[in-house]
């Protein structure tokens, strides 16, 4: 059945019938928390459907660069690993429930939809992910750097970012010899 957000809600299948789905996303469990795996195309619709279900707070939006760990495990069958992964944590206070969403993002096209229209509090979190990882959020109202200077080149949390370009200055440390 499809709702007005375009997400498909399906009941949990009987044992052996395939993975559990919620609004069309594959559901797994990790460390006692439900994890939803969704593609970039269904990401915003899933979050909107979950908001309607009572997940009214987006606690976190972050990312992971798996460049040096391409053979990682933990993804369910049918979910292909990509270089980047956007990770979102949602909370339903009324039910005292929390869940995580994992979205695979290819390195050659690091773009996902912005959640700003659904959860306005994600504005700064998405800017931080953009600044540190270079993942763009389509539809974000002001996708500019938030931590690094505007003229900074590159994205420091990418695994292929060169390390040690600028020496750290410590207060009270002796100057260069």
N, C-alpha and C. Protein backbone atom coordinates (compact mmCIF):
# COMPACT_ATOMS: atom_id res chain seq x y z
N UNK A 1 0.84 -1.16 0.00
CA UNK A 1 0.00 0.00 0.00
C UNK A 1 0.90 1.24 0.00
N UNK A 2 0.59 2.25 -0.80
CA UNK A 2 1.37 3.47 -0.88
C UNK A 2 0.60 4.60 -0.23
N UNK A 3 1.29 5.37 0.64
CA UNK A 3 0.63 6.51 1.27
C UNK A 3 0.92 7.78 0.48
N UNK A 4 0.45 8.94 0.99
CA UNK A 4 0.59 10.17 0.23
C UNK A 4 2.03 10.69 0.16
N UNK A 5 2.96 10.10 0.89
CA UNK A 5 4.36 10.52 0.80
C UNK A 5 5.09 9.74 -0.28
N UNK A 6 4.44 8.72 -0.83
CA UNK A 6 5.09 7.90 -1.83
C UNK A 6 5.81 6.71 -1.23
N UNK A 7 5.83 6.62 0.11
CA UNK A 7 6.49 5.50 0.77
C UNK A 7 5.53 4.31 0.80
N UNK A 8 6.09 3.15 0.78
CA UNK A 8 5.29 1.94 0.82
C UNK A 8 5.39 1.34 2.20
N UNK A 9 4.23 1.17 2.86
CA UNK A 9 4.23 0.55 4.18
C UNK A 9 3.83 -0.89 4.03
N UNK A 10 4.62 -1.76 4.61
CA UNK A 10 4.34 -3.18 4.52
C UNK A 10 4.48 -3.77 5.91
N UNK A 11 3.66 -4.75 6.18
CA UNK A 11 3.75 -5.44 7.47
C UNK A 11 4.99 -6.33 7.46
N UNK A 12 5.43 -6.69 8.64
CA UNK A 12 6.57 -7.59 8.74
C UNK A 12 6.20 -8.93 8.13
N UNK A 13 7.04 -9.47 7.27
CA UNK A 13 6.73 -10.75 6.64
C UNK A 13 6.86 -11.90 7.62
N UNK A 14 6.26 -13.01 7.30
CA UNK A 14 6.43 -14.21 8.11
C UNK A 14 7.87 -14.68 8.00
N UNK A 15 8.30 -15.44 8.97
CA UNK A 15 9.69 -15.91 8.99
C UNK A 15 10.03 -16.59 7.67
N UNK A 16 11.15 -16.24 7.09
CA UNK A 16 11.62 -16.85 5.86
C UNK A 16 11.08 -16.20 4.60
N UNK A 17 10.19 -15.21 4.72
CA UNK A 17 9.60 -14.56 3.54
C UNK A 17 10.44 -13.38 3.03
N UNK A 18 11.52 -13.06 3.67
CA UNK A 18 12.34 -11.92 3.26
C UNK A 18 12.51 -10.95 4.42
N UNK A 19 13.16 -9.85 4.17
CA UNK A 19 13.45 -8.91 5.26
C UNK A 19 12.19 -8.17 5.71
N UNK A 20 12.24 -7.73 6.96
CA UNK A 20 11.18 -6.87 7.49
C UNK A 20 11.30 -5.51 6.81
N UNK A 21 10.17 -4.92 6.43
CA UNK A 21 10.16 -3.61 5.79
C UNK A 21 9.32 -2.63 6.60
N UNK A 22 9.73 -1.38 6.61
CA UNK A 22 8.94 -0.30 7.21
C UNK A 22 8.95 0.84 6.21
N UNK A 23 7.80 1.19 5.70
CA UNK A 23 7.67 2.22 4.66
C UNK A 23 8.61 1.95 3.48
N UNK A 24 8.80 0.68 3.17
CA UNK A 24 9.62 0.28 2.04
C UNK A 24 11.10 0.14 2.33
N UNK A 25 11.53 0.48 3.56
CA UNK A 25 12.94 0.39 3.93
C UNK A 25 13.20 -0.93 4.65
N UNK A 26 14.35 -1.53 4.37
CA UNK A 26 14.75 -2.77 5.04
C UNK A 26 15.09 -2.45 6.49
N UNK A 27 14.55 -3.26 7.42
CA UNK A 27 14.78 -3.06 8.84
C UNK A 27 15.73 -4.13 9.36
N UNK A 28 16.77 -3.71 10.06
CA UNK A 28 17.66 -4.62 10.77
C UNK A 28 17.75 -4.13 12.21
N UNK A 29 18.48 -4.87 13.03
CA UNK A 29 18.70 -4.43 14.41
C UNK A 29 20.18 -4.48 14.69
N UNK A 30 20.68 -3.45 15.34
CA UNK A 30 22.10 -3.37 15.66
C UNK A 30 22.23 -2.76 17.05
N UNK A 31 22.86 -3.46 17.96
CA UNK A 31 23.07 -2.99 19.33
C UNK A 31 21.75 -2.58 19.99
N UNK A 32 20.70 -3.37 19.76
CA UNK A 32 19.41 -3.13 20.37
C UNK A 32 18.61 -1.99 19.77
N UNK A 33 19.04 -1.47 18.63
CA UNK A 33 18.34 -0.36 17.99
C UNK A 33 17.93 -0.76 16.58
N UNK A 34 16.71 -0.37 16.18
CA UNK A 34 16.27 -0.63 14.82
C UNK A 34 17.02 0.28 13.86
N UNK A 35 17.42 -0.30 12.73
CA UNK A 35 18.14 0.44 11.70
C UNK A 35 17.39 0.25 10.39
N UNK A 36 17.07 1.36 9.72
CA UNK A 36 16.40 1.30 8.43
C UNK A 36 17.41 1.59 7.34
N UNK A 37 17.41 0.79 6.29
CA UNK A 37 18.31 0.95 5.16
C UNK A 37 17.47 1.39 3.97
N UNK A 38 17.77 2.57 3.43
CA UNK A 38 16.97 3.11 2.34
C UNK A 38 17.90 3.71 1.30
N UNK A 39 17.47 3.70 0.04
CA UNK A 39 18.23 4.33 -1.04
C UNK A 39 18.03 5.84 -1.02
N UNK A 40 18.89 6.53 -1.75
CA UNK A 40 18.79 7.99 -1.79
C UNK A 40 17.43 8.46 -2.30
N UNK A 41 16.86 7.75 -3.26
CA UNK A 41 15.59 8.17 -3.85
C UNK A 41 14.43 8.12 -2.86
N UNK A 42 14.47 7.20 -1.91
CA UNK A 42 13.37 7.07 -0.95
C UNK A 42 13.64 7.69 0.41
N UNK A 43 14.81 8.30 0.56
CA UNK A 43 15.27 8.84 1.85
C UNK A 43 14.32 9.89 2.42
N UNK A 44 14.04 10.96 1.70
CA UNK A 44 13.19 12.04 2.22
C UNK A 44 11.77 11.55 2.46
N UNK A 45 11.23 10.73 1.57
CA UNK A 45 9.87 10.20 1.75
C UNK A 45 9.80 9.33 3.00
N UNK A 46 10.83 8.54 3.25
CA UNK A 46 10.87 7.71 4.45
C UNK A 46 10.86 8.57 5.71
N UNK A 47 11.69 9.60 5.74
CA UNK A 47 11.76 10.47 6.92
C UNK A 47 10.43 11.20 7.13
N UNK A 48 9.78 11.62 6.05
CA UNK A 48 8.47 12.28 6.16
C UNK A 48 7.43 11.30 6.71
N UNK A 49 7.45 10.05 6.24
CA UNK A 49 6.51 9.05 6.74
C UNK A 49 6.76 8.74 8.21
N UNK A 50 8.02 8.69 8.59
CA UNK A 50 8.36 8.43 9.99
C UNK A 50 7.96 9.61 10.88
N UNK A 51 8.07 10.81 10.37
CA UNK A 51 7.62 11.98 11.13
C UNK A 51 6.12 11.87 11.39
N UNK A 52 5.37 11.47 10.37
CA UNK A 52 3.92 11.27 10.53
C UNK A 52 3.62 10.15 11.52
N UNK A 53 4.54 9.19 11.64
CA UNK A 53 4.39 8.08 12.59
C UNK A 53 4.75 8.47 14.02
N UNK A 54 5.23 9.71 14.22
CA UNK A 54 5.57 10.15 15.58
C UNK A 54 7.04 10.34 15.85
N UNK A 55 7.90 10.07 14.88
CA UNK A 55 9.34 10.34 15.05
C UNK A 55 9.54 11.82 14.77
N UNK A 56 9.29 12.62 15.81
CA UNK A 56 9.19 14.06 15.63
C UNK A 56 10.49 14.82 15.84
N UNK A 57 11.56 14.15 16.24
CA UNK A 57 12.84 14.83 16.45
C UNK A 57 13.94 14.12 15.67
N UNK A 58 14.68 14.90 14.90
CA UNK A 58 15.88 14.39 14.24
C UNK A 58 17.04 14.76 15.14
N UNK A 59 17.60 13.77 15.80
CA UNK A 59 18.65 14.00 16.78
C UNK A 59 20.01 14.24 16.14
N UNK A 60 20.26 13.59 15.00
CA UNK A 60 21.59 13.70 14.41
C UNK A 60 21.56 13.36 12.93
N UNK A 61 22.39 14.05 12.18
CA UNK A 61 22.70 13.72 10.79
C UNK A 61 24.22 13.74 10.70
N UNK A 62 24.80 12.63 10.31
CA UNK A 62 26.25 12.56 10.19
C UNK A 62 26.59 11.68 8.99
N UNK A 63 27.86 11.44 8.78
CA UNK A 63 28.29 10.63 7.64
C UNK A 63 29.52 9.81 8.02
N UNK A 64 29.80 8.81 7.19
CA UNK A 64 30.96 7.95 7.35
C UNK A 64 31.58 7.80 5.96
N UNK A 65 32.92 7.85 5.89
CA UNK A 65 33.64 7.59 4.64
C UNK A 65 34.27 6.21 4.76
N UNK A 66 33.80 5.27 3.95
CA UNK A 66 34.29 3.90 3.98
C UNK A 66 35.35 3.64 2.90
N UNK A 67 36.04 4.68 2.44
CA UNK A 67 37.03 4.51 1.37
C UNK A 67 38.04 3.41 1.68
N UNK A 68 38.54 3.37 2.90
CA UNK A 68 39.57 2.39 3.25
C UNK A 68 38.98 1.11 3.86
N UNK A 69 37.68 0.97 3.82
CA UNK A 69 37.02 -0.22 4.38
C UNK A 69 35.90 -0.68 3.46
N UNK A 70 36.21 -0.96 2.18
CA UNK A 70 35.16 -1.27 1.20
C UNK A 70 34.46 -2.60 1.45
N UNK A 71 35.09 -3.55 2.11
CA UNK A 71 34.49 -4.87 2.31
C UNK A 71 33.75 -4.99 3.63
N UNK A 72 33.20 -3.89 4.11
CA UNK A 72 32.55 -3.91 5.43
C UNK A 72 31.34 -4.83 5.45
N UNK A 73 31.01 -5.26 6.64
CA UNK A 73 29.83 -6.11 6.82
C UNK A 73 28.77 -5.29 7.55
N UNK A 74 27.64 -5.91 7.80
CA UNK A 74 26.60 -5.21 8.54
C UNK A 74 25.49 -4.66 7.67
N UNK A 75 25.65 -4.74 6.34
CA UNK A 75 24.58 -4.31 5.46
C UNK A 75 23.74 -5.52 5.09
N UNK A 76 22.42 -5.35 5.06
CA UNK A 76 21.57 -6.49 4.71
C UNK A 76 21.67 -6.83 3.22
N UNK A 77 21.23 -8.03 2.88
CA UNK A 77 21.20 -8.44 1.47
C UNK A 77 20.35 -7.45 0.69
N UNK A 78 20.83 -7.10 -0.49
CA UNK A 78 20.10 -6.15 -1.33
C UNK A 78 20.54 -4.72 -1.17
N UNK A 79 21.42 -4.44 -0.20
CA UNK A 79 21.94 -3.08 -0.02
C UNK A 79 23.41 -3.10 -0.40
N UNK A 80 23.74 -2.42 -1.49
CA UNK A 80 25.12 -2.39 -1.98
C UNK A 80 25.91 -1.32 -1.24
N UNK A 81 27.09 -1.66 -0.74
CA UNK A 81 27.91 -0.66 -0.05
C UNK A 81 28.43 0.39 -1.02
N UNK A 82 28.48 1.62 -0.56
CA UNK A 82 29.04 2.73 -1.32
C UNK A 82 30.13 3.36 -0.49
N UNK A 83 30.85 4.31 -1.07
CA UNK A 83 31.95 4.95 -0.35
C UNK A 83 31.44 5.67 0.90
N UNK A 84 30.38 6.45 0.76
CA UNK A 84 29.85 7.23 1.88
C UNK A 84 28.55 6.63 2.39
N UNK A 85 28.26 6.97 3.63
CA UNK A 85 26.99 6.59 4.22
C UNK A 85 26.51 7.76 5.07
N UNK A 86 25.28 8.23 4.83
CA UNK A 86 24.67 9.24 5.68
C UNK A 86 23.88 8.49 6.73
N UNK A 87 24.06 8.87 7.99
CA UNK A 87 23.41 8.21 9.12
C UNK A 87 22.57 9.23 9.87
N UNK A 88 21.29 8.92 10.04
CA UNK A 88 20.33 9.82 10.69
C UNK A 88 19.74 9.10 11.89
N UNK A 89 19.60 9.82 13.01
CA UNK A 89 18.95 9.27 14.20
C UNK A 89 17.68 10.04 14.46
N UNK A 90 16.56 9.32 14.57
CA UNK A 90 15.25 9.91 14.86
C UNK A 90 14.74 9.40 16.19
N UNK A 91 13.96 10.25 16.88
CA UNK A 91 13.38 9.87 18.17
C UNK A 91 11.88 10.13 18.15
N UNK A 92 11.12 9.17 18.70
CA UNK A 92 9.69 9.34 18.96
C UNK A 92 9.56 9.42 20.48
N UNK A 93 9.45 10.63 21.02
CA UNK A 93 9.42 10.79 22.48
C UNK A 93 8.20 10.13 23.11
N UNK A 94 7.06 10.26 22.46
CA UNK A 94 5.83 9.72 23.04
C UNK A 94 5.94 8.21 23.28
N UNK A 95 6.58 7.50 22.36
CA UNK A 95 6.75 6.04 22.49
C UNK A 95 8.08 5.67 23.14
N UNK A 96 8.92 6.67 23.38
CA UNK A 96 10.27 6.42 23.92
C UNK A 96 11.02 5.46 23.01
N UNK A 97 11.04 5.80 21.73
CA UNK A 97 11.65 4.93 20.72
C UNK A 97 12.64 5.74 19.90
N UNK A 98 13.68 5.08 19.48
CA UNK A 98 14.72 5.70 18.66
C UNK A 98 15.05 4.74 17.53
N UNK A 99 15.33 5.32 16.36
CA UNK A 99 15.81 4.48 15.27
C UNK A 99 16.83 5.23 14.44
N UNK A 100 17.58 4.44 13.71
CA UNK A 100 18.65 4.98 12.87
C UNK A 100 18.33 4.68 11.41
N UNK A 101 18.70 5.60 10.54
CA UNK A 101 18.54 5.42 9.09
C UNK A 101 19.93 5.47 8.48
N UNK A 102 20.23 4.51 7.60
CA UNK A 102 21.51 4.47 6.90
C UNK A 102 21.25 4.56 5.40
N UNK A 103 21.88 5.54 4.75
CA UNK A 103 21.72 5.78 3.32
C UNK A 103 23.09 5.66 2.66
N UNK A 104 23.21 4.75 1.70
CA UNK A 104 24.47 4.59 0.97
C UNK A 104 24.57 5.69 -0.09
N UNK A 105 25.75 6.35 -0.16
CA UNK A 105 25.95 7.48 -1.06
C UNK A 105 27.23 7.23 -1.87
N UNK A 106 27.13 7.19 -3.19
CA UNK A 106 28.33 6.92 -4.01
C UNK A 106 29.33 8.07 -3.97
N UNK A 107 30.60 7.72 -4.05
CA UNK A 107 31.65 8.72 -4.02
C UNK A 107 31.69 9.61 -5.26
N UNK A 108 31.22 9.09 -6.40
CA UNK A 108 31.26 9.89 -7.62
C UNK A 108 30.05 10.81 -7.78
N UNK A 109 29.06 10.70 -6.90
CA UNK A 109 27.89 11.57 -6.92
C UNK A 109 27.36 11.72 -5.49
N UNK A 110 28.12 12.40 -4.62
CA UNK A 110 27.75 12.47 -3.21
C UNK A 110 26.64 13.50 -2.93
N UNK A 111 25.42 13.13 -3.27
CA UNK A 111 24.27 14.02 -3.10
C UNK A 111 23.11 13.22 -2.52
N UNK A 112 22.45 13.79 -1.52
CA UNK A 112 21.21 13.23 -0.97
C UNK A 112 20.23 14.39 -0.78
N UNK A 113 18.94 14.10 -0.69
CA UNK A 113 17.98 15.18 -0.44
C UNK A 113 18.15 15.76 0.97
N UNK A 114 17.87 17.04 1.10
CA UNK A 114 17.92 17.69 2.41
C UNK A 114 16.68 17.33 3.20
N UNK A 115 16.84 17.23 4.52
CA UNK A 115 15.71 16.98 5.41
C UNK A 115 15.17 18.28 6.00
N UNK A 116 15.68 19.43 5.56
CA UNK A 116 15.34 20.71 6.16
C UNK A 116 13.84 20.99 6.16
N UNK A 117 13.14 20.65 5.08
CA UNK A 117 11.69 20.91 5.01
C UNK A 117 10.92 20.02 5.98
N UNK A 118 11.45 18.86 6.32
CA UNK A 118 10.79 17.92 7.22
C UNK A 118 11.19 18.20 8.67
N UNK A 119 12.48 18.40 8.89
CA UNK A 119 13.04 18.68 10.21
C UNK A 119 13.96 19.90 10.07
N UNK A 120 13.43 21.12 10.29
CA UNK A 120 14.26 22.33 10.12
C UNK A 120 15.53 22.34 10.97
N UNK A 121 15.54 21.60 12.07
CA UNK A 121 16.72 21.55 12.93
C UNK A 121 17.92 20.86 12.31
N UNK A 122 17.75 20.28 11.13
CA UNK A 122 18.87 19.59 10.47
C UNK A 122 19.76 20.56 9.68
N UNK A 123 19.39 21.82 9.63
CA UNK A 123 20.12 22.79 8.80
C UNK A 123 21.62 22.80 9.12
N UNK A 124 21.99 22.96 10.37
CA UNK A 124 23.41 23.03 10.74
C UNK A 124 24.09 21.66 10.61
N UNK A 125 23.38 20.59 10.93
CA UNK A 125 23.97 19.25 10.83
C UNK A 125 24.33 18.91 9.39
N UNK A 126 23.43 19.24 8.45
CA UNK A 126 23.72 18.98 7.05
C UNK A 126 24.87 19.85 6.56
N UNK A 127 24.96 21.08 7.03
CA UNK A 127 26.09 21.93 6.65
C UNK A 127 27.41 21.35 7.15
N UNK A 128 27.40 20.79 8.35
CA UNK A 128 28.62 20.19 8.90
C UNK A 128 29.05 18.98 8.07
N UNK A 129 28.09 18.12 7.70
CA UNK A 129 28.41 16.96 6.86
C UNK A 129 28.96 17.42 5.52
N UNK A 130 28.34 18.45 4.94
CA UNK A 130 28.85 19.00 3.68
C UNK A 130 30.29 19.51 3.85
N UNK A 131 30.51 20.27 4.91
CA UNK A 131 31.82 20.88 5.15
C UNK A 131 32.91 19.83 5.36
N UNK A 132 32.63 18.82 6.16
CA UNK A 132 33.64 17.83 6.53
C UNK A 132 33.80 16.69 5.51
N UNK A 133 32.70 16.30 4.83
CA UNK A 133 32.74 15.14 3.92
C UNK A 133 32.50 15.50 2.46
N UNK A 134 31.94 16.68 2.18
CA UNK A 134 31.65 17.05 0.80
C UNK A 134 30.38 16.43 0.25
N UNK A 135 29.53 15.91 1.11
CA UNK A 135 28.24 15.37 0.67
C UNK A 135 27.26 16.53 0.58
N UNK A 136 26.66 16.70 -0.60
CA UNK A 136 25.73 17.81 -0.81
C UNK A 136 24.30 17.38 -0.48
N UNK A 137 23.53 18.32 0.05
CA UNK A 137 22.14 18.08 0.42
C UNK A 137 21.26 18.90 -0.50
N UNK A 138 20.65 18.23 -1.46
CA UNK A 138 19.81 18.88 -2.46
C UNK A 138 18.58 19.50 -1.79
N UNK A 139 18.37 20.81 -2.01
CA UNK A 139 17.23 21.51 -1.43
C UNK A 139 17.56 22.21 -0.12
N UNK A 140 18.81 22.14 0.33
CA UNK A 140 19.20 22.84 1.56
C UNK A 140 19.19 24.34 1.31
N UNK A 141 18.67 25.15 2.26
CA UNK A 141 18.54 26.59 2.01
C UNK A 141 19.85 27.38 2.01
N UNK A 142 20.93 26.87 2.64
CA UNK A 142 22.19 27.62 2.72
C UNK A 142 23.35 26.65 2.90
N UNK A 143 23.64 25.87 1.89
CA UNK A 143 24.68 24.86 2.01
C UNK A 143 26.05 25.49 1.83
N UNK A 144 26.54 26.09 2.92
CA UNK A 144 27.86 26.72 2.94
C UNK A 144 28.65 26.11 4.09
N UNK A 145 29.94 26.38 4.10
CA UNK A 145 30.79 25.85 5.18
C UNK A 145 30.33 26.40 6.52
N UNK A 146 30.51 25.58 7.56
CA UNK A 146 30.10 25.98 8.89
C UNK A 146 31.27 25.90 9.89
N UNK A 147 32.24 25.03 9.64
CA UNK A 147 33.38 24.87 10.54
C UNK A 147 34.69 25.38 9.93
N UNK A 148 34.87 25.16 8.66
CA UNK A 148 36.11 25.56 7.99
C UNK A 148 35.93 26.93 7.33
N UNK A 149 37.03 27.65 7.11
CA UNK A 149 36.92 28.92 6.40
C UNK A 149 36.34 28.73 5.00
N UNK A 150 35.63 29.72 4.51
CA UNK A 150 34.98 29.63 3.19
C UNK A 150 35.96 29.28 2.06
N UNK A 151 37.21 29.75 2.18
CA UNK A 151 38.18 29.52 1.11
C UNK A 151 38.96 28.20 1.28
N UNK A 152 38.58 27.39 2.27
CA UNK A 152 39.26 26.12 2.52
C UNK A 152 39.03 25.18 1.35
N UNK A 153 40.08 24.48 0.94
CA UNK A 153 39.96 23.51 -0.15
C UNK A 153 39.89 22.10 0.42
N UNK A 154 38.92 21.36 -0.02
CA UNK A 154 38.79 19.97 0.41
C UNK A 154 37.85 19.80 1.58
N UNK A 155 37.74 18.55 2.01
CA UNK A 155 36.82 18.18 3.08
C UNK A 155 37.59 17.29 4.06
N UNK A 156 37.95 17.82 5.24
CA UNK A 156 38.91 17.17 6.15
C UNK A 156 38.57 15.78 6.66
N UNK A 157 37.33 15.35 6.69
CA UNK A 157 37.04 14.01 7.20
C UNK A 157 36.96 12.94 6.11
N UNK A 158 37.27 13.32 4.88
CA UNK A 158 37.39 12.31 3.83
C UNK A 158 38.68 11.53 4.05
N UNK A 159 38.62 10.24 3.83
CA UNK A 159 39.79 9.39 4.06
C UNK A 159 40.95 9.68 3.12
N UNK A 160 40.67 10.32 1.97
CA UNK A 160 41.75 10.64 1.05
C UNK A 160 42.26 12.08 1.22
N UNK A 161 41.84 12.76 2.27
CA UNK A 161 42.29 14.13 2.53
C UNK A 161 43.70 14.08 3.12
N UNK A 162 44.63 14.88 2.58
CA UNK A 162 46.00 14.84 3.10
C UNK A 162 46.06 15.31 4.56
N UNK A 163 46.85 14.62 5.35
CA UNK A 163 46.94 14.90 6.78
C UNK A 163 48.18 15.75 7.07
N UNK A 164 48.06 16.64 8.03
CA UNK A 164 49.21 17.37 8.54
C UNK A 164 49.67 18.54 7.71
N UNK A 165 48.78 19.21 6.99
CA UNK A 165 49.21 20.32 6.15
C UNK A 165 49.52 21.58 6.93
N UNK A 166 48.81 21.82 8.05
CA UNK A 166 49.00 23.05 8.80
C UNK A 166 49.44 22.68 10.21
N UNK A 167 50.60 23.17 10.68
CA UNK A 167 51.02 22.84 12.04
C UNK A 167 50.11 23.49 13.07
N UNK A 168 49.88 22.76 14.16
CA UNK A 168 49.04 23.28 15.24
C UNK A 168 49.90 24.16 16.14
N UNK A 169 49.38 25.32 16.51
CA UNK A 169 50.07 26.24 17.40
C UNK A 169 49.52 26.07 18.80
N UNK A 170 50.39 25.86 19.79
CA UNK A 170 49.96 25.69 21.17
C UNK A 170 50.39 26.91 21.97
N UNK A 171 49.49 27.38 22.82
CA UNK A 171 49.76 28.53 23.67
C UNK A 171 50.90 28.19 24.62
N UNK A 172 51.89 29.05 24.72
CA UNK A 172 53.01 28.85 25.64
C UNK A 172 54.08 27.92 25.11
N UNK A 173 53.90 27.35 23.95
CA UNK A 173 54.91 26.44 23.39
C UNK A 173 56.04 27.28 22.81
N UNK A 174 57.26 26.78 22.90
CA UNK A 174 58.37 27.53 22.29
C UNK A 174 58.18 27.65 20.80
N UNK A 175 58.61 28.76 20.25
CA UNK A 175 58.50 29.01 18.81
C UNK A 175 59.40 28.10 18.00
N UNK A 176 59.30 28.18 16.69
CA UNK A 176 60.15 27.35 15.81
C UNK A 176 61.61 27.67 16.03
N UNK A 177 62.46 26.68 15.92
CA UNK A 177 63.90 26.89 16.12
C UNK A 177 64.61 27.11 14.85
